[in-house]
PDB file of N, CA and C in Angstrom:
ATOM      1  N   UNK A   1    -135.080  -5.258 -84.862  1.00  0.00           N
ATOM      2  CA  UNK A   1    -136.933  -5.845 -84.985  1.00  0.00           C
ATOM      3  C   UNK A   1    -137.900  -6.341 -83.757  1.00  0.00           C
ATOM      4  N   UNK A   2    -138.633  -5.220 -83.839  1.00  0.00           N
ATOM      5  CA  UNK A   2    -140.071  -5.868 -82.658  1.00  0.00           C
ATOM      6  C   UNK A   2    -140.610  -7.218 -82.956  1.00  0.00           C
ATOM      7  N   UNK A   3    -141.076  -7.774 -82.321  1.00  0.00           N
ATOM      8  CA  UNK A   3    -141.736  -8.874 -82.803  1.00  0.00           C
ATOM      9  C   UNK A   3    -142.991  -9.110 -81.912  1.00  0.00           C
ATOM     10  N   UNK A   4    -144.207  -9.212 -82.720  1.00  0.00           N
ATOM     11  CA  UNK A   4    -145.664  -9.280 -82.207  1.00  0.00           C
ATOM     12  C   UNK A   4    -145.576 -10.350 -81.694  1.00  0.00           C
ATOM     13  N   UNK A   5    -145.976 -10.584 -80.697  1.00  0.00           N
ATOM     14  CA  UNK A   5    -146.995 -12.041 -80.405  1.00  0.00           C
ATOM     15  C   UNK A   5    -148.434 -12.188 -79.984  1.00  0.00           C
ATOM     16  N   UNK A   6    -148.779 -12.745 -80.577  1.00  0.00           N
ATOM     17  CA  UNK A   6    -150.643 -12.815 -81.377  1.00  0.00           C
ATOM     18  C   UNK A   6    -151.025 -14.033 -80.039  1.00  0.00           C
ATOM     19  N   UNK A   7    -152.416 -14.130 -79.811  1.00  0.00           N
ATOM     20  CA  UNK A   7    -153.023 -14.492 -78.336  1.00  0.00           C
ATOM     21  C   UNK A   7    -152.906 -16.275 -78.970  1.00  0.00           C
ATOM     22  N   UNK A   8    -151.888 -16.071 -80.086  1.00  0.00           N
ATOM     23  CA  UNK A   8    -152.479 -17.886 -80.551  1.00  0.00           C
ATOM     24  C   UNK A   8    -151.360 -18.375 -79.408  1.00  0.00           C
ATOM     25  N   UNK A   9    -150.748 -18.076 -78.576  1.00  0.00           N
ATOM     26  CA  UNK A   9    -150.056 -17.979 -78.085  1.00  0.00           C
ATOM     27  C   UNK A   9    -150.175 -19.112 -77.170  1.00  0.00           C
ATOM     28  N   UNK A  10    -151.224 -19.088 -76.850  1.00  0.00           N
ATOM     29  CA  UNK A  10    -151.895 -20.094 -75.591  1.00  0.00           C
ATOM     30  C   UNK A  10    -152.350 -21.514 -76.790  1.00  0.00           C
ATOM     31  N   UNK A  11    -152.435 -21.271 -78.143  1.00  0.00           N
ATOM     32  CA  UNK A  11    -152.578 -22.750 -78.679  1.00  0.00           C
ATOM     33  C   UNK A  11    -151.075 -23.065 -78.843  1.00  0.00           C
ATOM     34  N   UNK A  12    -150.026 -22.902 -78.945  1.00  0.00           N
ATOM     35  CA  UNK A  12    -148.672 -23.186 -79.466  1.00  0.00           C
ATOM     36  C   UNK A  12    -148.122 -23.999 -77.786  1.00  0.00           C
ATOM     37  N   UNK A  13    -148.963 -23.363 -76.295  1.00  0.00           N
ATOM     38  CA  UNK A  13    -148.416 -23.736 -75.233  1.00  0.00           C
ATOM     39  C   UNK A  13    -149.273 -25.031 -74.875  1.00  0.00           C
ATOM     40  N   UNK A  14    -150.247 -24.974 -75.942  1.00  0.00           N
ATOM     41  CA  UNK A  14    -150.971 -26.130 -75.626  1.00  0.00           C
ATOM     42  C   UNK A  14    -152.259 -26.183 -74.218  1.00  0.00           C
ATOM     43  N   UNK A  15    -152.416 -24.961 -74.303  1.00  0.00           N
ATOM     44  CA  UNK A  15    -153.247 -24.086 -73.169  1.00  0.00           C
ATOM     45  C   UNK A  15    -154.743 -24.308 -73.851  1.00  0.00           C
ATOM     46  N   UNK A  16    -155.898 -24.424 -72.679  1.00  0.00           N
ATOM     47  CA  UNK A  16    -156.895 -24.470 -73.616  1.00  0.00           C
ATOM     48  C   UNK A  16    -158.105 -23.261 -72.935  1.00  0.00           C
ATOM     49  N   UNK A  17    -157.710 -22.879 -71.837  1.00  0.00           N
ATOM     50  CA  UNK A  17    -158.742 -22.171 -71.427  1.00  0.00           C
ATOM     51  C   UNK A  17    -157.967 -21.067 -71.453  1.00  0.00           C
ATOM     52  N   UNK A  18    -158.566 -19.963 -72.034  1.00  0.00           N
ATOM     53  CA  UNK A  18    -158.239 -18.569 -72.342  1.00  0.00           C
ATOM     54  C   UNK A  18    -157.745 -17.204 -71.086  1.00  0.00           C
ATOM     55  N   UNK A  19    -159.140 -17.444 -70.467  1.00  0.00           N
ATOM     56  CA  UNK A  19    -159.290 -16.492 -69.213  1.00  0.00           C
ATOM     57  C   UNK A  19    -158.074 -16.985 -67.792  1.00  0.00           C
ATOM     58  N   UNK A  20    -157.562 -18.495 -67.792  1.00  0.00           N
ATOM     59  CA  UNK A  20    -156.695 -18.540 -67.131  1.00  0.00           C
ATOM     60  C   UNK A  20    -154.895 -18.614 -67.779  1.00  0.00           C
ATOM     61  N   UNK A  21    -155.019 -18.725 -69.202  1.00  0.00           N
ATOM     62  CA  UNK A  21    -153.514 -17.910 -69.813  1.00  0.00           C
ATOM     63  C   UNK A  21    -153.514 -16.247 -69.556  1.00  0.00           C
ATOM     64  N   UNK A  22    -154.515 -16.045 -69.972  1.00  0.00           N
ATOM     65  CA  UNK A  22    -154.379 -14.454 -69.600  1.00  0.00           C
ATOM     66  C   UNK A  22    -154.475 -13.950 -68.160  1.00  0.00           C
ATOM     67  N   UNK A  23    -155.214 -14.445 -67.267  1.00  0.00           N
ATOM     68  CA  UNK A  23    -154.844 -14.056 -65.642  1.00  0.00           C
ATOM     69  C   UNK A  23    -153.248 -14.887 -65.168  1.00  0.00           C
ATOM     70  N   UNK A  24    -152.832 -15.707 -65.730  1.00  0.00           N
ATOM     71  CA  UNK A  24    -151.384 -16.301 -65.252  1.00  0.00           C
ATOM     72  C   UNK A  24    -150.311 -16.139 -65.864  1.00  0.00           C
ATOM     73  N   UNK A  25    -150.597 -16.145 -67.300  1.00  0.00           N
ATOM     74  CA  UNK A  25    -149.211 -15.326 -68.307  1.00  0.00           C
ATOM     75  C   UNK A  25    -149.122 -14.341 -69.024  1.00  0.00           C
ATOM     76  N   UNK A  26    -150.727 -13.406 -69.268  1.00  0.00           N
ATOM     77  CA  UNK A  26    -150.365 -12.003 -69.695  1.00  0.00           C
ATOM     78  C   UNK A  26    -150.344 -11.019 -68.625  1.00  0.00           C
ATOM     79  N   UNK A  27    -151.167 -10.864 -67.948  1.00  0.00           N
ATOM     80  CA  UNK A  27    -151.498  -9.893 -67.066  1.00  0.00           C
ATOM     81  C   UNK A  27    -150.388  -9.838 -65.729  1.00  0.00           C
ATOM     82  N   UNK A  28    -149.677 -10.235 -65.486  1.00  0.00           N
ATOM     83  CA  UNK A  28    -148.531 -10.336 -64.661  1.00  0.00           C
ATOM     84  C   UNK A  28    -147.275  -9.516 -65.511  1.00  0.00           C
ATOM     85  N   UNK A  29    -147.013  -9.675 -67.021  1.00  0.00           N
ATOM     86  CA  UNK A  29    -146.129  -8.954 -67.209  1.00  0.00           C
ATOM     87  C   UNK A  29    -146.616  -7.698 -68.021  1.00  0.00           C
ATOM     88  N   UNK A  30    -148.235  -7.566 -67.993  1.00  0.00           N
ATOM     89  CA  UNK A  30    -148.500  -6.450 -68.413  1.00  0.00           C
ATOM     90  C   UNK A  30    -147.967  -5.386 -67.192  1.00  0.00           C
ATOM     91  N   UNK A  31    -148.931  -6.117 -65.996  1.00  0.00           N
ATOM     92  CA  UNK A  31    -148.517  -4.970 -64.959  1.00  0.00           C
ATOM     93  C   UNK A  31    -147.412  -4.928 -64.682  1.00  0.00           C
ATOM     94  N   UNK A  32    -146.312  -5.374 -64.888  1.00  0.00           N
ATOM     95  CA  UNK A  32    -145.035  -4.918 -64.294  1.00  0.00           C
ATOM     96  C   UNK A  32    -143.941  -4.433 -65.684  1.00  0.00           C
ATOM     97  N   UNK A  33    -144.887  -4.193 -66.632  1.00  0.00           N
ATOM     98  CA  UNK A  33    -144.346  -3.206 -67.928  1.00  0.00           C
ATOM     99  C   UNK A  33    -143.757  -4.242 -68.892  1.00  0.00           C
ATOM    100  N   UNK A  34    -143.883  -5.038 -68.758  1.00  0.00           N
ATOM    101  CA  UNK A  34    -142.483  -5.973 -69.637  1.00  0.00           C
ATOM    102  C   UNK A  34    -142.831  -6.321 -70.734  1.00  0.00           C
ATOM    103  N   UNK A  35    -144.194  -5.947 -71.242  1.00  0.00           N
ATOM    104  CA  UNK A  35    -145.099  -6.102 -72.056  1.00  0.00           C
ATOM    105  C   UNK A  35    -145.930  -5.273 -72.609  1.00  0.00           C
ATOM    106  N   UNK A  36    -146.321  -5.171 -73.701  1.00  0.00           N
ATOM    107  CA  UNK A  36    -147.761  -3.971 -73.883  1.00  0.00           C
ATOM    108  C   UNK A  36    -148.679  -4.477 -74.669  1.00  0.00           C
ATOM    109  N   UNK A  37    -149.374  -3.639 -74.963  1.00  0.00           N
ATOM    110  CA  UNK A  37    -150.320  -4.262 -75.950  1.00  0.00           C
ATOM    111  C   UNK A  37    -150.471  -3.546 -76.848  1.00  0.00           C
ATOM    112  N   UNK A  38    -150.612  -3.753 -78.419  1.00  0.00           N
ATOM    113  CA  UNK A  38    -150.707  -3.006 -79.520  1.00  0.00           C
ATOM    114  C   UNK A  38    -152.200  -1.813 -79.632  1.00  0.00           C
ATOM    115  N   UNK A  39    -153.023  -2.339 -78.971  1.00  0.00           N
ATOM    116  CA  UNK A  39    -153.981  -1.658 -78.885  1.00  0.00           C
ATOM    117  C   UNK A  39    -154.193  -1.647 -77.451  1.00  0.00           C
ATOM    118  N   UNK A  40    -154.253  -0.687 -76.862  1.00  0.00           N
ATOM    119  CA  UNK A  40    -154.062  -0.417 -75.461  1.00  0.00           C
ATOM    120  C   UNK A  40    -155.791   0.123 -74.669  1.00  0.00           C
ATOM    121  N   UNK A  41    -156.641   0.337 -76.481  1.00  0.00           N
ATOM    122  CA  UNK A  41    -157.303   0.806 -75.834  1.00  0.00           C
ATOM    123  C   UNK A  41    -158.742  -0.240 -76.022  1.00  0.00           C
ATOM    124  N   UNK A  42    -158.071  -1.334 -76.485  1.00  0.00           N
ATOM    125  CA  UNK A  42    -159.158  -2.691 -76.694  1.00  0.00           C
ATOM    126  C   UNK A  42    -158.309  -3.785 -76.875  1.00  0.00           C
ATOM    127  N   UNK A  43    -158.228  -3.936 -75.187  1.00  0.00           N
ATOM    128  CA  UNK A  43    -157.566  -5.051 -74.945  1.00  0.00           C
ATOM    129  C   UNK A  43    -158.101  -6.735 -74.924  1.00  0.00           C
ATOM    130  N   UNK A  44    -159.558  -6.570 -75.638  1.00  0.00           N
ATOM    131  CA  UNK A  44    -159.936  -8.064 -75.801  1.00  0.00           C
ATOM    132  C   UNK A  44    -160.336  -7.841 -77.718  1.00  0.00           C
ATOM    133  N   UNK A  45    -159.645  -6.916 -78.203  1.00  0.00           N
ATOM    134  CA  UNK A  45    -160.067  -6.950 -79.675  1.00  0.00           C
ATOM    135  C   UNK A  45    -159.380  -8.215 -80.151  1.00  0.00           C
ATOM    136  N   UNK A  46    -160.075  -8.658 -81.382  1.00  0.00           N
ATOM    137  CA  UNK A  46    -159.598 -10.221 -81.923  1.00  0.00           C
ATOM    138  C   UNK A  46    -158.392  -9.821 -82.777  1.00  0.00           C
ATOM    139  N   UNK A  47    -157.833  -8.723 -82.885  1.00  0.00           N
ATOM    140  CA  UNK A  47    -157.097  -8.288 -83.731  1.00  0.00           C
ATOM    141  C   UNK A  47    -155.637  -7.696 -82.731  1.00  0.00           C
ATOM    142  N   UNK A  48    -155.927  -8.041 -81.086  1.00  0.00           N
ATOM    143  CA  UNK A  48    -154.605  -7.586 -80.330  1.00  0.00           C
ATOM    144  C   UNK A  48    -153.609  -8.484 -80.149  1.00  0.00           C
ATOM    145  N   UNK A  49    -152.246  -7.681 -80.198  1.00  0.00           N
ATOM    146  CA  UNK A  49    -151.340  -8.287 -80.490  1.00  0.00           C
ATOM    147  C   UNK A  49    -150.369  -7.927 -78.757  1.00  0.00           C
ATOM    148  N   UNK A  50    -149.567  -8.443 -78.503  1.00  0.00           N
ATOM    149  CA  UNK A  50    -148.086  -8.101 -77.486  1.00  0.00           C
ATOM    150  C   UNK A  50    -147.066  -8.181 -77.713  1.00  0.00           C
ATOM    151  N   UNK A  51    -146.662  -7.243 -77.544  1.00  0.00           N
ATOM    152  CA  UNK A  51    -144.858  -6.924 -77.656  1.00  0.00           C
ATOM    153  C   UNK A  51    -144.205  -6.395 -76.596  1.00  0.00           C
ATOM    154  N   UNK A  52    -142.607  -6.495 -76.881  1.00  0.00           N
ATOM    155  CA  UNK A  52    -142.214  -6.757 -75.385  1.00  0.00           C
ATOM    156  C   UNK A  52    -142.064  -4.750 -75.423  1.00  0.00           C
ATOM    157  N   UNK A  53    -142.063  -4.231 -74.234  1.00  0.00           N
ATOM    158  CA  UNK A  53    -142.353  -2.829 -73.684  1.00  0.00           C
ATOM    159  C   UNK A  53    -140.568  -2.288 -74.429  1.00  0.00           C
ATOM    160  N   UNK A  54    -140.733  -1.034 -74.810  1.00  0.00           N
ATOM    161  CA  UNK A  54    -139.831  -0.042 -74.832  1.00  0.00           C
ATOM    162  C   UNK A  54    -139.242   0.356 -73.598  1.00  0.00           C
TER     163      UNK A  54
END
């Protein structure tokens, strides 16, 4: 079973600055292909989630 991780992860980690969260924690694994967006054409969508890459 795949688990989707929403952007709410920043709140769970106690992080306040979204751009920093995206730059430090989301972009590196995206660039390496470790995770993928559920809506690749709309990276800033409010409905965007992330999942482990297949």
